[in-house]
Amino acid sequence: MTQKEKKAVSKTAKPKAKAAPPRTRPRSVAKVLSESEVQQRAYALWESRGRPFGSPEVDWYRAKEQQNPE
């Protein structure tokens, strides 16, 4: 094999570098709602259900679940 052929083979045989993956936020990073934000969300959920009497914990837990969906 001549020097010219070796250079041609070595140029074509080199593996291409992989592109870096796009930078994204890790999934573990989530916005944590403050107590007052949970209260506001729970109130909005309660209003959307027609302001029923009793069972405030239904809306509270639903607001907390929407905060950290997993």
N, C-alpha and C. Protein backbone atom coordinates (compact mmCIF):
# COMPACT_ATOMS: atom_id res chain seq x y z
N MET A 1 0.85 -1.17 0.00
CA MET A 1 0.00 0.00 0.00
C MET A 1 0.90 1.24 0.00
N THR A 2 0.59 2.17 -0.86
CA THR A 2 1.40 3.38 -0.97
C THR A 2 0.99 4.37 0.11
N GLN A 3 1.82 5.37 0.30
CA GLN A 3 1.52 6.41 1.28
C GLN A 3 0.22 7.13 0.95
N LYS A 4 -0.01 7.36 -0.31
CA LYS A 4 -1.22 8.02 -0.76
C LYS A 4 -2.46 7.21 -0.40
N GLU A 5 -2.40 5.91 -0.60
CA GLU A 5 -3.51 5.03 -0.28
C GLU A 5 -3.75 4.97 1.24
N LYS A 6 -2.66 4.94 2.01
CA LYS A 6 -2.78 4.92 3.47
C LYS A 6 -3.47 6.18 3.99
N LYS A 7 -3.12 7.32 3.43
CA LYS A 7 -3.74 8.58 3.84
C LYS A 7 -5.23 8.59 3.48
N ALA A 8 -5.54 8.08 2.30
CA ALA A 8 -6.93 8.04 1.88
C ALA A 8 -7.75 7.13 2.78
N VAL A 9 -7.20 5.99 3.16
CA VAL A 9 -7.89 5.05 4.04
C VAL A 9 -8.04 5.64 5.43
N SER A 10 -6.97 6.25 5.95
CA SER A 10 -7.03 6.79 7.30
C SER A 10 -8.01 7.95 7.41
N LYS A 11 -8.18 8.72 6.32
CA LYS A 11 -9.13 9.83 6.34
C LYS A 11 -10.57 9.32 6.35
N THR A 12 -10.83 8.26 5.63
CA THR A 12 -12.20 7.74 5.55
C THR A 12 -12.54 6.84 6.72
N ALA A 13 -11.55 6.29 7.40
CA ALA A 13 -11.81 5.35 8.47
C ALA A 13 -12.03 6.01 9.82
N LYS A 14 -11.79 7.31 9.92
CA LYS A 14 -11.95 7.99 11.21
C LYS A 14 -13.43 8.08 11.58
N PRO A 15 -13.75 7.71 12.81
CA PRO A 15 -15.15 7.84 13.24
C PRO A 15 -15.50 9.31 13.45
N LYS A 16 -16.70 9.63 13.12
CA LYS A 16 -17.15 11.00 13.30
C LYS A 16 -17.49 11.23 14.76
N ALA A 17 -17.22 12.44 15.22
CA ALA A 17 -17.54 12.79 16.60
C ALA A 17 -19.05 12.90 16.75
N LYS A 18 -19.55 12.43 17.87
CA LYS A 18 -20.99 12.52 18.13
C LYS A 18 -21.34 13.93 18.58
N ALA A 19 -22.49 14.37 18.16
CA ALA A 19 -22.96 15.69 18.57
C ALA A 19 -23.36 15.65 20.03
N ALA A 20 -23.12 16.73 20.72
CA ALA A 20 -23.50 16.82 22.13
C ALA A 20 -25.02 16.85 22.24
N PRO A 21 -25.57 16.21 23.26
CA PRO A 21 -27.03 16.22 23.42
C PRO A 21 -27.50 17.64 23.76
N PRO A 22 -28.72 17.97 23.40
CA PRO A 22 -29.23 19.32 23.71
C PRO A 22 -29.33 19.52 25.22
N ARG A 23 -29.08 20.73 25.63
CA ARG A 23 -29.15 21.04 27.07
C ARG A 23 -30.61 21.23 27.47
N THR A 24 -31.03 20.45 28.42
CA THR A 24 -32.39 20.55 28.92
C THR A 24 -32.34 20.53 30.43
N ARG A 25 -33.41 20.99 31.05
CA ARG A 25 -33.50 20.94 32.51
C ARG A 25 -33.77 19.51 32.92
N PRO A 26 -33.13 19.05 33.96
CA PRO A 26 -33.42 17.70 34.45
C PRO A 26 -34.88 17.60 34.88
N ARG A 27 -35.45 16.41 34.72
CA ARG A 27 -36.85 16.22 35.10
C ARG A 27 -37.07 16.35 36.60
N SER A 28 -36.02 16.13 37.37
CA SER A 28 -36.18 16.19 38.81
C SER A 28 -36.38 17.62 39.30
N VAL A 29 -36.05 18.59 38.47
CA VAL A 29 -36.22 19.98 38.87
C VAL A 29 -37.66 20.37 38.59
N ALA A 30 -38.40 20.64 39.62
CA ALA A 30 -39.80 21.02 39.47
C ALA A 30 -40.06 22.26 40.31
N LYS A 31 -40.99 23.07 39.86
CA LYS A 31 -41.34 24.26 40.61
C LYS A 31 -42.14 23.83 41.83
N VAL A 32 -41.67 24.23 42.99
CA VAL A 32 -42.37 23.90 44.22
C VAL A 32 -43.25 25.10 44.57
N LEU A 33 -44.53 24.83 44.71
CA LEU A 33 -45.47 25.89 45.04
C LEU A 33 -45.38 26.24 46.51
N SER A 34 -45.51 27.51 46.80
CA SER A 34 -45.55 27.93 48.19
C SER A 34 -46.92 27.55 48.77
N GLU A 35 -47.02 27.67 50.06
CA GLU A 35 -48.29 27.34 50.74
C GLU A 35 -49.44 28.19 50.20
N SER A 36 -49.19 29.47 49.98
CA SER A 36 -50.26 30.34 49.49
C SER A 36 -50.63 30.01 48.04
N GLU A 37 -49.65 29.56 47.22
CA GLU A 37 -49.96 29.17 45.86
C GLU A 37 -50.81 27.91 45.83
N VAL A 38 -50.55 26.98 46.75
CA VAL A 38 -51.37 25.77 46.86
C VAL A 38 -52.78 26.16 47.29
N GLN A 39 -52.89 27.08 48.22
CA GLN A 39 -54.21 27.55 48.68
C GLN A 39 -54.99 28.17 47.52
N GLN A 40 -54.31 29.01 46.74
CA GLN A 40 -54.98 29.66 45.61
C GLN A 40 -55.43 28.63 44.58
N ARG A 41 -54.57 27.64 44.31
CA ARG A 41 -54.92 26.61 43.34
C ARG A 41 -56.09 25.75 43.85
N ALA A 42 -56.06 25.41 45.13
CA ALA A 42 -57.13 24.61 45.72
C ALA A 42 -58.46 25.39 45.68
N TYR A 43 -58.39 26.67 45.94
CA TYR A 43 -59.60 27.51 45.88
C TYR A 43 -60.16 27.54 44.46
N ALA A 44 -59.27 27.68 43.48
CA ALA A 44 -59.72 27.70 42.08
C ALA A 44 -60.35 26.36 41.70
N LEU A 45 -59.76 25.26 42.17
CA LEU A 45 -60.34 23.95 41.90
C LEU A 45 -61.71 23.81 42.56
N TRP A 46 -61.83 24.28 43.78
CA TRP A 46 -63.10 24.23 44.51
C TRP A 46 -64.17 25.02 43.76
N GLU A 47 -63.79 26.22 43.28
CA GLU A 47 -64.75 27.03 42.52
C GLU A 47 -65.16 26.32 41.23
N SER A 48 -64.20 25.66 40.59
CA SER A 48 -64.52 24.98 39.33
C SER A 48 -65.45 23.79 39.54
N ARG A 49 -65.47 23.26 40.78
CA ARG A 49 -66.39 22.15 41.09
C ARG A 49 -67.75 22.65 41.53
N GLY A 50 -67.96 23.97 41.52
CA GLY A 50 -69.27 24.52 41.88
C GLY A 50 -69.40 24.88 43.35
N ARG A 51 -68.29 25.04 44.05
CA ARG A 51 -68.25 25.42 45.46
C ARG A 51 -69.09 24.50 46.36
N PRO A 52 -68.85 23.20 46.29
CA PRO A 52 -69.63 22.27 47.11
C PRO A 52 -69.30 22.41 48.60
N PHE A 53 -70.25 22.04 49.44
CA PHE A 53 -70.06 22.09 50.88
C PHE A 53 -69.28 20.86 51.33
N GLY A 54 -68.29 21.07 52.21
CA GLY A 54 -67.51 19.95 52.75
C GLY A 54 -66.41 19.48 51.82
N SER A 55 -65.61 18.56 52.30
CA SER A 55 -64.51 17.93 51.54
C SER A 55 -63.46 18.90 50.99
N PRO A 56 -62.95 19.83 51.78
CA PRO A 56 -61.93 20.74 51.25
C PRO A 56 -60.62 20.03 50.92
N GLU A 57 -60.40 18.88 51.58
CA GLU A 57 -59.14 18.17 51.35
C GLU A 57 -59.05 17.61 49.93
N VAL A 58 -60.20 17.40 49.28
CA VAL A 58 -60.19 16.90 47.89
C VAL A 58 -59.44 17.89 47.00
N ASP A 59 -59.79 19.15 47.12
CA ASP A 59 -59.16 20.17 46.29
C ASP A 59 -57.72 20.43 46.72
N TRP A 60 -57.47 20.35 48.02
CA TRP A 60 -56.12 20.59 48.54
C TRP A 60 -55.15 19.53 47.99
N TYR A 61 -55.53 18.27 48.11
CA TYR A 61 -54.65 17.20 47.62
C TYR A 61 -54.52 17.22 46.10
N ARG A 62 -55.57 17.60 45.44
CA ARG A 62 -55.50 17.71 43.98
C ARG A 62 -54.53 18.83 43.56
N ALA A 63 -54.57 19.94 44.30
CA ALA A 63 -53.64 21.04 44.02
C ALA A 63 -52.21 20.61 44.29
N LYS A 64 -52.00 19.84 45.36
CA LYS A 64 -50.65 19.35 45.68
C LYS A 64 -50.17 18.36 44.62
N GLU A 65 -51.06 17.50 44.12
CA GLU A 65 -50.70 16.54 43.08
C GLU A 65 -50.31 17.24 41.78
N GLN A 66 -51.02 18.30 41.45
CA GLN A 66 -50.72 19.04 40.24
C GLN A 66 -49.39 19.77 40.36
N GLN A 67 -48.98 20.01 41.57
CA GLN A 67 -47.70 20.65 41.83
C GLN A 67 -46.55 19.74 41.42
N ASN A 68 -46.63 18.46 41.80
CA ASN A 68 -45.58 17.48 41.51
C ASN A 68 -46.15 16.25 40.82
N PRO A 69 -46.51 16.36 39.54
CA PRO A 69 -47.03 15.17 38.85
C PRO A 69 -45.92 14.16 38.62
N GLU A 70 -46.15 12.92 38.98
CA GLU A 70 -45.12 11.88 38.84
C GLU A 70 -45.68 10.62 38.26
